[in-house]
Amino acid sequence: LAAQVLLNNFLSDIPALAIGTDNVDDEALTAPKRWN
Protein backbone atom coordinates (compact mmCIF):
# COMPACT_ATOMS: atom_id res chain seq x y z
CA LEU A 1 0.00 0.00 0.00
CA ALA A 2 1.12 3.61 -0.48
CA ALA A 3 1.80 4.12 3.24
CA GLN A 4 3.91 0.95 3.29
CA VAL A 5 5.99 2.08 0.32
CA LEU A 6 6.61 5.46 1.93
CA LEU A 7 7.46 3.98 5.33
CA ASN A 8 9.76 1.39 3.77
CA ASN A 9 11.59 4.03 1.75
CA PHE A 10 11.87 6.36 4.74
CA LEU A 11 13.24 3.69 7.06
CA SER A 12 15.69 2.33 4.49
CA ASP A 13 17.05 5.85 3.89
CA ILE A 14 17.85 6.52 7.55
CA PRO A 15 21.19 4.63 7.55
CA ALA A 16 22.28 6.71 4.56
CA LEU A 17 22.41 9.69 6.91
CA ALA A 18 25.37 8.06 8.66
CA ILE A 19 27.39 7.08 5.58
CA GLY A 20 29.54 10.18 6.03
CA THR A 21 30.70 8.79 9.40
CA ASP A 22 31.62 5.38 7.96
CA ASN A 23 35.12 3.95 8.17
CA VAL A 24 37.10 3.71 4.95
CA ASP A 25 39.02 0.53 4.12
CA ASP A 26 42.80 0.96 3.97
CA GLU A 27 42.90 -0.32 0.38
CA ALA A 28 40.61 2.53 -0.69
CA LEU A 29 43.14 5.06 0.61
CA THR A 30 46.21 3.76 -1.24
CA ALA A 31 45.64 5.72 -4.44
CA PRO A 32 43.02 7.99 -5.98
CA LYS A 33 40.22 6.12 -7.73
CA ARG A 34 38.49 7.13 -10.94
CA TRP A 35 34.78 6.63 -11.44
CA ASN A 36 34.01 3.83 -13.87
Full PDB file with SEQRES, HELIX, SHEET, SSBOND, CRYST1, ORIGX, SCALE, CONECT and MASTER records, all heavy atoms in Angstrom:
SEQRES   1 A   36  LEU ALA ALA GLN VAL LEU LEU ASN ASN PHE LEU SER ASP          
SEQRES   2 A   36  ILE PRO ALA LEU ALA ILE GLY THR ASP ASN VAL ASP ASP          
SEQRES   3 A   36  GLU ALA LEU THR ALA PRO LYS ARG TRP ASN                      
HELIX    1 AA1 ALA A    2  ASP A   13  1                                  12    
HELIX    2 AA2 ILE A   14  THR A   21  5                                   8    
HELIX    3 AA3 ASP A   26  LEU A   29  5                                   4    
CRYST1    1.000    1.000    1.000  90.00  90.00  90.00 P 1           1          
ORIGX1      1.000000  0.000000  0.000000        0.00000                         
ORIGX2      0.000000  1.000000  0.000000        0.00000                         
ORIGX3      0.000000  0.000000  1.000000        0.00000                         
SCALE1      1.000000  0.000000  0.000000        0.00000                         
SCALE2      0.000000  1.000000  0.000000        0.00000                         
SCALE3      0.000000  0.000000  1.000000        0.00000                         
ATOM      1  N   LEU A   1       0.849  -1.181   0.000  1.00  0.00           N  
ATOM      2  CA  LEU A   1       0.000   0.000   0.000  1.00  0.00           C  
ATOM      3  C   LEU A   1       0.892   1.240   0.000  1.00  0.00           C  
ATOM      4  O   LEU A   1       2.073   1.165   0.347  1.00  0.00           O  
ATOM      5  CB  LEU A   1      -0.913  -0.022   1.219  1.00  0.00           C  
ATOM      6  CG  LEU A   1      -1.847  -1.227   1.302  1.00  0.00           C  
ATOM      7  CD1 LEU A   1      -2.628  -1.200   2.604  1.00  0.00           C  
ATOM      8  CD2 LEU A   1      -2.784  -1.256   0.103  1.00  0.00           C  
ATOM      9  N   ALA A   2       0.330   2.377  -0.373  1.00  0.00           N  
ATOM     10  CA  ALA A   2       1.121   3.613  -0.481  1.00  0.00           C  
ATOM     11  C   ALA A   2       1.847   3.935   0.827  1.00  0.00           C  
ATOM     12  O   ALA A   2       3.040   4.279   0.820  1.00  0.00           O  
ATOM     13  CB  ALA A   2       0.232   4.778  -0.899  1.00  0.00           C  
ATOM     14  N   ALA A   3       1.174   3.819   1.947  1.00  0.00           N  
ATOM     15  CA  ALA A   3       1.803   4.119   3.243  1.00  0.00           C  
ATOM     16  C   ALA A   3       2.960   3.162   3.527  1.00  0.00           C  
ATOM     17  O   ALA A   3       3.975   3.555   4.119  1.00  0.00           O  
ATOM     18  CB  ALA A   3       0.776   4.047   4.364  1.00  0.00           C  
ATOM     19  N   GLN A   4       2.841   1.918   3.086  1.00  0.00           N  
ATOM     20  CA  GLN A   4       3.906   0.948   3.294  1.00  0.00           C  
ATOM     21  C   GLN A   4       5.122   1.271   2.431  1.00  0.00           C  
ATOM     22  O   GLN A   4       6.261   1.156   2.887  1.00  0.00           O  
ATOM     23  CB  GLN A   4       3.399  -0.466   2.998  1.00  0.00           C  
ATOM     24  CG  GLN A   4       2.348  -0.918   3.983  1.00  0.00           C  
ATOM     25  CD  GLN A   4       1.590  -2.147   3.527  1.00  0.00           C  
ATOM     26  OE1 GLN A   4       1.522  -2.459   2.342  1.00  0.00           O  
ATOM     27  NE2 GLN A   4       0.995  -2.843   4.490  1.00  0.00           N  
ATOM     28  N   VAL A   5       4.884   1.677   1.197  1.00  0.00           N  
ATOM     29  CA  VAL A   5       5.994   2.076   0.315  1.00  0.00           C  
ATOM     30  C   VAL A   5       6.734   3.261   0.923  1.00  0.00           C  
ATOM     31  O   VAL A   5       7.967   3.265   1.011  1.00  0.00           O  
ATOM     32  CB  VAL A   5       5.478   2.435  -1.098  1.00  0.00           C  
ATOM     33  CG1 VAL A   5       6.584   3.058  -1.947  1.00  0.00           C  
ATOM     34  CG2 VAL A   5       4.904   1.214  -1.793  1.00  0.00           C  
ATOM     35  N   LEU A   6       5.987   4.267   1.353  1.00  0.00           N  
ATOM     36  CA  LEU A   6       6.611   5.465   1.929  1.00  0.00           C  
ATOM     37  C   LEU A   6       7.367   5.149   3.213  1.00  0.00           C  
ATOM     38  O   LEU A   6       8.493   5.623   3.413  1.00  0.00           O  
ATOM     39  CB  LEU A   6       5.562   6.542   2.172  1.00  0.00           C  
ATOM     40  CG  LEU A   6       4.927   7.139   0.911  1.00  0.00           C  
ATOM     41  CD1 LEU A   6       3.762   8.038   1.285  1.00  0.00           C  
ATOM     42  CD2 LEU A   6       5.958   7.878   0.084  1.00  0.00           C  
ATOM     43  N   LEU A   7       6.786   4.346   4.086  1.00  0.00           N  
ATOM     44  CA  LEU A   7       7.463   3.977   5.328  1.00  0.00           C  
ATOM     45  C   LEU A   7       8.707   3.155   5.048  1.00  0.00           C  
ATOM     46  O   LEU A   7       9.774   3.405   5.641  1.00  0.00           O  
ATOM     47  CB  LEU A   7       6.506   3.201   6.239  1.00  0.00           C  
ATOM     48  CG  LEU A   7       7.080   2.773   7.589  1.00  0.00           C  
ATOM     49  CD1 LEU A   7       7.494   3.983   8.424  1.00  0.00           C  
ATOM     50  CD2 LEU A   7       6.058   1.906   8.342  1.00  0.00           C  
ATOM     51  N   ASN A   8       8.613   2.216   4.134  1.00  0.00           N  
ATOM     52  CA  ASN A   8       9.762   1.385   3.772  1.00  0.00           C  
ATOM     53  C   ASN A   8      10.893   2.246   3.224  1.00  0.00           C  
ATOM     54  O   ASN A   8      12.052   2.096   3.627  1.00  0.00           O  
ATOM     55  CB  ASN A   8       9.326   0.317   2.764  1.00  0.00           C  
ATOM     56  CG  ASN A   8      10.368  -0.741   2.543  1.00  0.00           C  
ATOM     57  OD1 ASN A   8      11.410  -0.481   1.967  1.00  0.00           O  
ATOM     58  ND2 ASN A   8      10.074  -1.952   2.994  1.00  0.00           N  
ATOM     59  N   ASN A   9      10.568   3.152   2.327  1.00  0.00           N  
ATOM     60  CA  ASN A   9      11.591   4.029   1.755  1.00  0.00           C  
ATOM     61  C   ASN A   9      12.201   4.941   2.815  1.00  0.00           C  
ATOM     62  O   ASN A   9      13.419   5.139   2.849  1.00  0.00           O  
ATOM     63  CB  ASN A   9      11.016   4.865   0.611  1.00  0.00           C  
ATOM     64  CG  ASN A   9      10.785   4.048  -0.642  1.00  0.00           C  
ATOM     65  OD1 ASN A   9      11.358   2.985  -0.819  1.00  0.00           O  
ATOM     66  ND2 ASN A   9       9.928   4.531  -1.502  1.00  0.00           N  
ATOM     67  N   PHE A  10      11.368   5.487   3.676  1.00  0.00           N  
ATOM     68  CA  PHE A  10      11.865   6.364   4.736  1.00  0.00           C  
ATOM     69  C   PHE A  10      12.829   5.616   5.656  1.00  0.00           C  
ATOM     70  O   PHE A  10      13.939   6.080   5.933  1.00  0.00           O  
ATOM     71  CB  PHE A  10      10.687   6.938   5.539  1.00  0.00           C  
ATOM     72  CG  PHE A  10      11.115   7.701   6.759  1.00  0.00           C  
ATOM     73  CD1 PHE A  10      11.721   8.941   6.641  1.00  0.00           C  
ATOM     74  CD2 PHE A  10      10.925   7.173   8.023  1.00  0.00           C  
ATOM     75  CE1 PHE A  10      12.126   9.644   7.770  1.00  0.00           C  
ATOM     76  CE2 PHE A  10      11.320   7.860   9.159  1.00  0.00           C  
ATOM     77  CZ  PHE A  10      11.928   9.109   9.027  1.00  0.00           C  
ATOM     78  N   LEU A  11      12.404   4.451   6.128  1.00  0.00           N  
ATOM     79  CA  LEU A  11      13.241   3.694   7.062  1.00  0.00           C  
ATOM     80  C   LEU A  11      14.537   3.205   6.417  1.00  0.00           C  
ATOM     81  O   LEU A  11      15.591   3.206   7.055  1.00  0.00           O  
ATOM     82  CB  LEU A  11      12.453   2.511   7.647  1.00  0.00           C  
ATOM     83  CG  LEU A  11      11.297   2.887   8.563  1.00  0.00           C  
ATOM     84  CD1 LEU A  11      10.496   1.651   8.949  1.00  0.00           C  
ATOM     85  CD2 LEU A  11      11.789   3.636   9.789  1.00  0.00           C  
ATOM     86  N   SER A  12      14.466   2.811   5.157  1.00  0.00           N  
ATOM     87  CA  SER A  12      15.686   2.330   4.489  1.00  0.00           C  
ATOM     88  C   SER A  12      16.654   3.464   4.172  1.00  0.00           C  
ATOM     89  O   SER A  12      17.846   3.224   3.985  1.00  0.00           O  
ATOM     90  CB  SER A  12      15.342   1.552   3.219  1.00  0.00           C  
ATOM     91  OG  SER A  12      14.777   2.401   2.243  1.00  0.00           O  
ATOM     92  N   ASP A  13      16.171   4.693   4.140  1.00  0.00           N  
ATOM     93  CA  ASP A  13      17.045   5.847   3.893  1.00  0.00           C  
ATOM     94  C   ASP A  13      17.756   6.338   5.148  1.00  0.00           C  
ATOM     95  O   ASP A  13      18.775   7.026   5.055  1.00  0.00           O  
ATOM     96  CB  ASP A  13      16.248   7.011   3.295  1.00  0.00           C  
ATOM     97  CG  ASP A  13      15.882   6.794   1.841  1.00  0.00           C  
ATOM     98  OD1 ASP A  13      16.453   5.877   1.212  1.00  0.00           O  
ATOM     99  OD2 ASP A  13      15.014   7.526   1.334  1.00  0.00           O  
ATOM    100  N   ILE A  14      17.259   6.014   6.309  1.00  0.00           N  
ATOM    101  CA  ILE A  14      17.851   6.523   7.553  1.00  0.00           C  
ATOM    102  C   ILE A  14      19.331   6.165   7.690  1.00  0.00           C  
ATOM    103  O   ILE A  14      20.139   7.038   8.024  1.00  0.00           O  
ATOM    104  CB  ILE A  14      17.021   6.093   8.777  1.00  0.00           C  
ATOM    105  CG1 ILE A  14      15.683   6.829   8.766  1.00  0.00           C  
ATOM    106  CG2 ILE A  14      17.769   6.375  10.079  1.00  0.00           C  
ATOM    107  CD1 ILE A  14      14.701   6.376   9.840  1.00  0.00           C  
ATOM    108  N   PRO A  15      19.751   4.913   7.437  1.00  0.00           N  
ATOM    109  CA  PRO A  15      21.191   4.627   7.549  1.00  0.00           C  
ATOM    110  C   PRO A  15      22.064   5.458   6.610  1.00  0.00           C  
ATOM    111  O   PRO A  15      23.227   5.726   6.919  1.00  0.00           O  
ATOM    112  CB  PRO A  15      21.290   3.140   7.211  1.00  0.00           C  
ATOM    113  CG  PRO A  15      19.950   2.592   7.548  1.00  0.00           C  
ATOM    114  CD  PRO A  15      18.982   3.697   7.200  1.00  0.00           C  
ATOM    115  N   ALA A  16      21.506   5.887   5.504  1.00  0.00           N  
ATOM    116  CA  ALA A  16      22.281   6.707   4.564  1.00  0.00           C  
ATOM    117  C   ALA A  16      22.744   8.014   5.203  1.00  0.00           C  
ATOM    118  O   ALA A  16      23.753   8.591   4.800  1.00  0.00           O  
ATOM    119  CB  ALA A  16      21.467   6.988   3.310  1.00  0.00           C  
ATOM    120  N   LEU A  17      22.019   8.462   6.212  1.00  0.00           N  
ATOM    121  CA  LEU A  17      22.411   9.691   6.907  1.00  0.00           C  
ATOM    122  C   LEU A  17      23.751   9.538   7.621  1.00  0.00           C  
ATOM    123  O   LEU A  17      24.425  10.526   7.896  1.00  0.00           O  
ATOM    124  CB  LEU A  17      21.326  10.104   7.912  1.00  0.00           C  
ATOM    125  CG  LEU A  17      19.958  10.428   7.316  1.00  0.00           C  
ATOM    126  CD1 LEU A  17      18.932  10.622   8.416  1.00  0.00           C  
ATOM    127  CD2 LEU A  17      20.037  11.642   6.413  1.00  0.00           C  
ATOM    128  N   ALA A  18      24.129   8.306   7.932  1.00  0.00           N  
ATOM    129  CA  ALA A  18      25.372   8.062   8.664  1.00  0.00           C  
ATOM    130  C   ALA A  18      26.514   7.608   7.771  1.00  0.00           C  
ATOM    131  O   ALA A  18      27.611   7.323   8.268  1.00  0.00           O  
ATOM    132  CB  ALA A  18      25.130   7.027   9.754  1.00  0.00           C  
ATOM    133  N   ILE A  19      26.316   7.544   6.469  1.00  0.00           N  
ATOM    134  CA  ILE A  19      27.386   7.080   5.582  1.00  0.00           C  
ATOM    135  C   ILE A  19      28.615   7.974   5.692  1.00  0.00           C  
ATOM    136  O   ILE A  19      29.746   7.499   5.632  1.00  0.00           O  
ATOM    137  CB  ILE A  19      26.885   6.973   4.124  1.00  0.00           C  
ATOM    138  CG1 ILE A  19      25.933   5.770   4.010  1.00  0.00           C  
ATOM    139  CG2 ILE A  19      28.041   6.835   3.146  1.00  0.00           C  
ATOM    140  CD1 ILE A  19      25.279   5.611   2.671  1.00  0.00           C  
ATOM    141  N   GLY A  20      28.410   9.256   5.901  1.00  0.00           N  
ATOM    142  CA  GLY A  20      29.543  10.179   6.034  1.00  0.00           C  
ATOM    143  C   GLY A  20      30.423   9.889   7.245  1.00  0.00           C  
ATOM    144  O   GLY A  20      31.564  10.332   7.301  1.00  0.00           O  
ATOM    145  N   THR A  21      29.919   9.134   8.210  1.00  0.00           N  
ATOM    146  CA  THR A  21      30.704   8.785   9.401  1.00  0.00           C  
ATOM    147  C   THR A  21      31.329   7.402   9.282  1.00  0.00           C  
ATOM    148  O   THR A  21      31.974   6.940  10.220  1.00  0.00           O  
ATOM    149  CB  THR A  21      29.818   8.809  10.663  1.00  0.00           C  
ATOM    150  OG1 THR A  21      28.859   7.748  10.591  1.00  0.00           O  
ATOM    151  CG2 THR A  21      29.110  10.146  10.816  1.00  0.00           C  
ATOM    152  N   ASP A  22      31.139   6.747   8.142  1.00  0.00           N  
ATOM    153  CA  ASP A  22      31.617   5.379   7.956  1.00  0.00           C  
ATOM    154  C   ASP A  22      33.144   5.328   7.911  1.00  0.00           C  
ATOM    155  O   ASP A  22      33.798   6.293   7.519  1.00  0.00           O  
ATOM    156  CB  ASP A  22      31.037   4.805   6.658  1.00  0.00           C  
ATOM    157  CG  ASP A  22      31.204   3.302   6.554  1.00  0.00           C  
ATOM    158  OD1 ASP A  22      31.507   2.651   7.578  1.00  0.00           O  
ATOM    159  OD2 ASP A  22      31.022   2.771   5.441  1.00  0.00           O  
ATOM    160  N   ASN A  23      33.686   4.196   8.311  1.00  0.00           N  
ATOM    161  CA  ASN A  23      35.120   3.953   8.171  1.00  0.00           C  
ATOM    162  C   ASN A  23      35.433   3.663   6.711  1.00  0.00           C  
ATOM    163  O   ASN A  23      34.596   3.133   5.984  1.00  0.00           O  
ATOM    164  CB  ASN A  23      35.552   2.755   9.020  1.00  0.00           C  
ATOM    165  CG  ASN A  23      35.392   3.011  10.496  1.00  0.00           C  
ATOM    166  OD1 ASN A  23      35.516   4.137  10.957  1.00  0.00           O  
ATOM    167  ND2 ASN A  23      35.101   1.959  11.245  1.00  0.00           N  
ATOM    168  N   VAL A  24      36.653   3.974   6.308  1.00  0.00           N  
ATOM    169  CA  VAL A  24      37.098   3.709   4.950  1.00  0.00           C  
ATOM    170  C   VAL A  24      38.146   2.616   5.024  1.00  0.00           C  
ATOM    171  O   VAL A  24      39.054   2.661   5.862  1.00  0.00           O  
ATOM    172  CB  VAL A  24      37.679   4.988   4.299  1.00  0.00           C  
ATOM    173  CG1 VAL A  24      38.169   4.695   2.890  1.00  0.00           C  
ATOM    174  CG2 VAL A  24      36.637   6.099   4.286  1.00  0.00           C  
ATOM    175  N   ASP A  25      38.037   1.612   4.150  1.00  0.00           N  
ATOM    176  CA  ASP A  25      39.017   0.534   4.116  1.00  0.00           C  
ATOM    177  C   ASP A  25      40.381   1.073   3.702  1.00  0.00           C  
ATOM    178  O   ASP A  25      40.480   1.978   2.861  1.00  0.00           O  
ATOM    179  CB  ASP A  25      38.584  -0.548   3.125  1.00  0.00           C  
ATOM    180  CG  ASP A  25      37.282  -1.218   3.522  1.00  0.00           C  
ATOM    181  OD1 ASP A  25      37.036  -1.345   4.739  1.00  0.00           O  
ATOM    182  OD2 ASP A  25      36.525  -1.619   2.619  1.00  0.00           O  
ATOM    183  N   ASP A  26      41.431   0.525   4.283  1.00  0.00           N  
ATOM    184  CA  ASP A  26      42.797   0.963   3.968  1.00  0.00           C  
ATOM    185  C   ASP A  26      43.089   0.891   2.478  1.00  0.00           C  
ATOM    186  O   ASP A  26      43.732   1.783   1.929  1.00  0.00           O  
ATOM    187  CB  ASP A  26      43.819   0.118   4.746  1.00  0.00           C  
ATOM    188  CG  ASP A  26      43.798   0.416   6.237  1.00  0.00           C  
ATOM    189  OD1 ASP A  26      43.332   1.517   6.619  1.00  0.00           O  
ATOM    190  OD2 ASP A  26      44.245  -0.448   7.012  1.00  0.00           O  
ATOM    191  N   GLU A  27      42.622  -0.166   1.822  1.00  0.00           N  
ATOM    192  CA  GLU A  27      42.897  -0.318   0.383  1.00  0.00           C  
ATOM    193  C   GLU A  27      42.304   0.820  -0.442  1.00  0.00           C  
ATOM    194  O   GLU A  27      42.805   1.146  -1.509  1.00  0.00           O  
ATOM    195  CB  GLU A  27      42.397  -1.661  -0.130  1.00  0.00           C  
ATOM    196  CG  GLU A  27      40.901  -1.739  -0.332  1.00  0.00           C  
ATOM    197  CD  GLU A  27      40.457  -2.929  -1.160  1.00  0.00           C  
ATOM    198  OE1 GLU A  27      41.192  -3.912  -1.235  1.00  0.00           O  
ATOM    199  OE2 GLU A  27      39.367  -2.840  -1.731  1.00  0.00           O  
ATOM    200  N   ALA A  28      41.248   1.427   0.045  1.00  0.00           N  
ATOM    201  CA  ALA A  28      40.613   2.531  -0.691  1.00  0.00           C  
ATOM    202  C   ALA A  28      41.411   3.820  -0.557  1.00  0.00           C  
ATOM    203  O   ALA A  28      41.180   4.766  -1.310  1.00  0.00           O  
ATOM    204  CB  ALA A  28      39.197   2.745  -0.187  1.00  0.00           C  
ATOM    205  N   LEU A  29      42.346   3.848   0.379  1.00  0.00           N  
ATOM    206  CA  LEU A  29      43.135   5.058   0.611  1.00  0.00           C  
ATOM    207  C   LEU A  29      44.515   5.014  -0.040  1.00  0.00           C  
ATOM    208  O   LEU A  29      45.253   5.988   0.038  1.00  0.00           O  
ATOM    209  CB  LEU A  29      43.305   5.281   2.125  1.00  0.00           C  
ATOM    210  CG  LEU A  29      42.005   5.476   2.909  1.00  0.00           C  
ATOM    211  CD1 LEU A  29      42.299   5.522   4.397  1.00  0.00           C  
ATOM    212  CD2 LEU A  29      41.290   6.722   2.455  1.00  0.00           C  
ATOM    213  N   THR A  30      44.863   3.911  -0.684  1.00  0.00           N  
ATOM    214  CA  THR A  30      46.208   3.756  -1.235  1.00  0.00           C  
ATOM    215  C   THR A  30      46.470   4.660  -2.433  1.00  0.00           C  
ATOM    216  O   THR A  30      47.587   5.130  -2.613  1.00  0.00           O  
ATOM    217  CB  THR A  30      46.480   2.299  -1.633  1.00  0.00           C  
ATOM    218  OG1 THR A  30      45.482   1.880  -2.573  1.00  0.00           O  
ATOM    219  CG2 THR A  30      46.462   1.396  -0.414  1.00  0.00           C  
ATOM    220  N   ALA A  31      45.462   4.871  -3.251  1.00  0.00           N  
ATOM    221  CA  ALA A  31      45.645   5.719  -4.443  1.00  0.00           C  
ATOM    222  C   ALA A  31      44.289   6.289  -4.846  1.00  0.00           C  
ATOM    223  O   ALA A  31      43.253   5.689  -4.550  1.00  0.00           O  
ATOM    224  CB  ALA A  31      46.222   4.889  -5.597  1.00  0.00           C  
ATOM    225  N   PRO A  32      44.292   7.429  -5.511  1.00  0.00           N  
ATOM    226  CA  PRO A  32      43.020   7.994  -5.975  1.00  0.00           C  
ATOM    227  C   PRO A  32      42.314   7.030  -6.931  1.00  0.00           C  
ATOM    228  O   PRO A  32      42.962   6.308  -7.683  1.00  0.00           O  
ATOM    229  CB  PRO A  32      43.436   9.273  -6.711  1.00  0.00           C  
ATOM    230  CG  PRO A  32      44.819   9.559  -6.266  1.00  0.00           C  
ATOM    231  CD  PRO A  32      45.434   8.263  -5.871  1.00  0.00           C  
ATOM    232  N   LYS A  33      41.015   6.998  -6.866  1.00  0.00           N  
ATOM    233  CA  LYS A  33      40.222   6.124  -7.732  1.00  0.00           C  
ATOM    234  C   LYS A  33      39.426   6.980  -8.708  1.00  0.00           C  
ATOM    235  O   LYS A  33      38.943   8.046  -8.371  1.00  0.00           O  
ATOM    236  CB  LYS A  33      39.241   5.280  -6.905  1.00  0.00           C  
ATOM    237  CG  LYS A  33      39.884   4.465  -5.797  1.00  0.00           C  
ATOM    238  CD  LYS A  33      40.583   3.260  -6.340  1.00  0.00           C  
ATOM    239  CE  LYS A  33      41.000   2.341  -5.226  1.00  0.00           C  
ATOM    240  NZ  LYS A  33      42.398   2.229  -5.015  1.00  0.00           N  
ATOM    241  N   ARG A  34      39.306   6.473  -9.919  1.00  0.00           N  
ATOM    242  CA  ARG A  34      38.490   7.131 -10.937  1.00  0.00           C  
ATOM    243  C   ARG A  34      37.143   6.433 -11.007  1.00  0.00           C  
ATOM    244  O   ARG A  34      37.052   5.231 -10.841  1.00  0.00           O  
ATOM    245  CB  ARG A  34      39.172   7.059 -12.300  1.00  0.00           C  
ATOM    246  CG  ARG A  34      40.460   7.867 -12.354  1.00  0.00           C  
ATOM    247  CD  ARG A  34      41.017   7.909 -13.764  1.00  0.00           C  
ATOM    248  NE  ARG A  34      40.051   8.409 -14.706  1.00  0.00           N  
ATOM    249  CZ  ARG A  34      39.974   9.666 -15.129  1.00  0.00           C  
ATOM    250  NH1 ARG A  34      40.837  10.550 -14.689  1.00  0.00           N  
ATOM    251  NH2 ARG A  34      39.068  10.035 -16.002  1.00  0.00           N  
ATOM    252  N   TRP A  35      36.100   7.207 -11.258  1.00  0.00           N  
ATOM    253  CA  TRP A  35      34.776   6.633 -11.442  1.00  0.00           C  
ATOM    254  C   TRP A  35      34.757   5.838 -12.738  1.00  0.00           C  
ATOM    255  O   TRP A  35      35.260   6.285 -13.766  1.00  0.00           O  
ATOM    256  CB  TRP A  35      33.724   7.731 -11.524  1.00  0.00           C  
ATOM    257  CG  TRP A  35      33.432   8.358 -10.198  1.00  0.00           C  
ATOM    258  CD1 TRP A  35      34.030   9.454  -9.662  1.00  0.00           C  
ATOM    259  CD2 TRP A  35      32.502   7.897  -9.235  1.00  0.00           C  
ATOM    260  NE1 TRP A  35      33.518   9.731  -8.432  1.00  0.00           N  
ATOM    261  CE2 TRP A  35      32.562   8.774  -8.134  1.00  0.00           C  
ATOM    262  CE3 TRP A  35      31.613   6.845  -9.182  1.00  0.00           C  
ATOM    263  CZ2 TRP A  35      31.785   8.626  -7.014  1.00  0.00           C  
ATOM    264  CZ3 TRP A  35      30.828   6.701  -8.061  1.00  0.00           C  
ATOM    265  CH2 TRP A  35      30.921   7.584  -7.000  1.00  0.00           C  
ATOM    266  N   ASN A  36      34.157   4.683 -12.699  1.00  0.00           N  
ATOM    267  CA  ASN A  36      34.007   3.831 -13.873  1.00  0.00           C  
ATOM    268  C   ASN A  36      32.501   3.657 -14.091  1.00  0.00           C  
ATOM    269  O   ASN A  36      31.863   2.840 -13.423  1.00  0.00           O  
ATOM    270  CB  ASN A  36      34.703   2.488 -13.636  1.00  0.00           C  
ATOM    271  CG  ASN A  36      34.571   1.542 -14.816  1.00  0.00           C  
ATOM    272  OD1 ASN A  36      33.660   1.642 -15.629  1.00  0.00           O  
ATOM    273  ND2 ASN A  36      35.496   0.599 -14.884  1.00  0.00           N  
TER     274      ASN A  36                                                      
MASTER        0    0    0    3    0    0    0    6  273    1    0    3          
END                                                                             
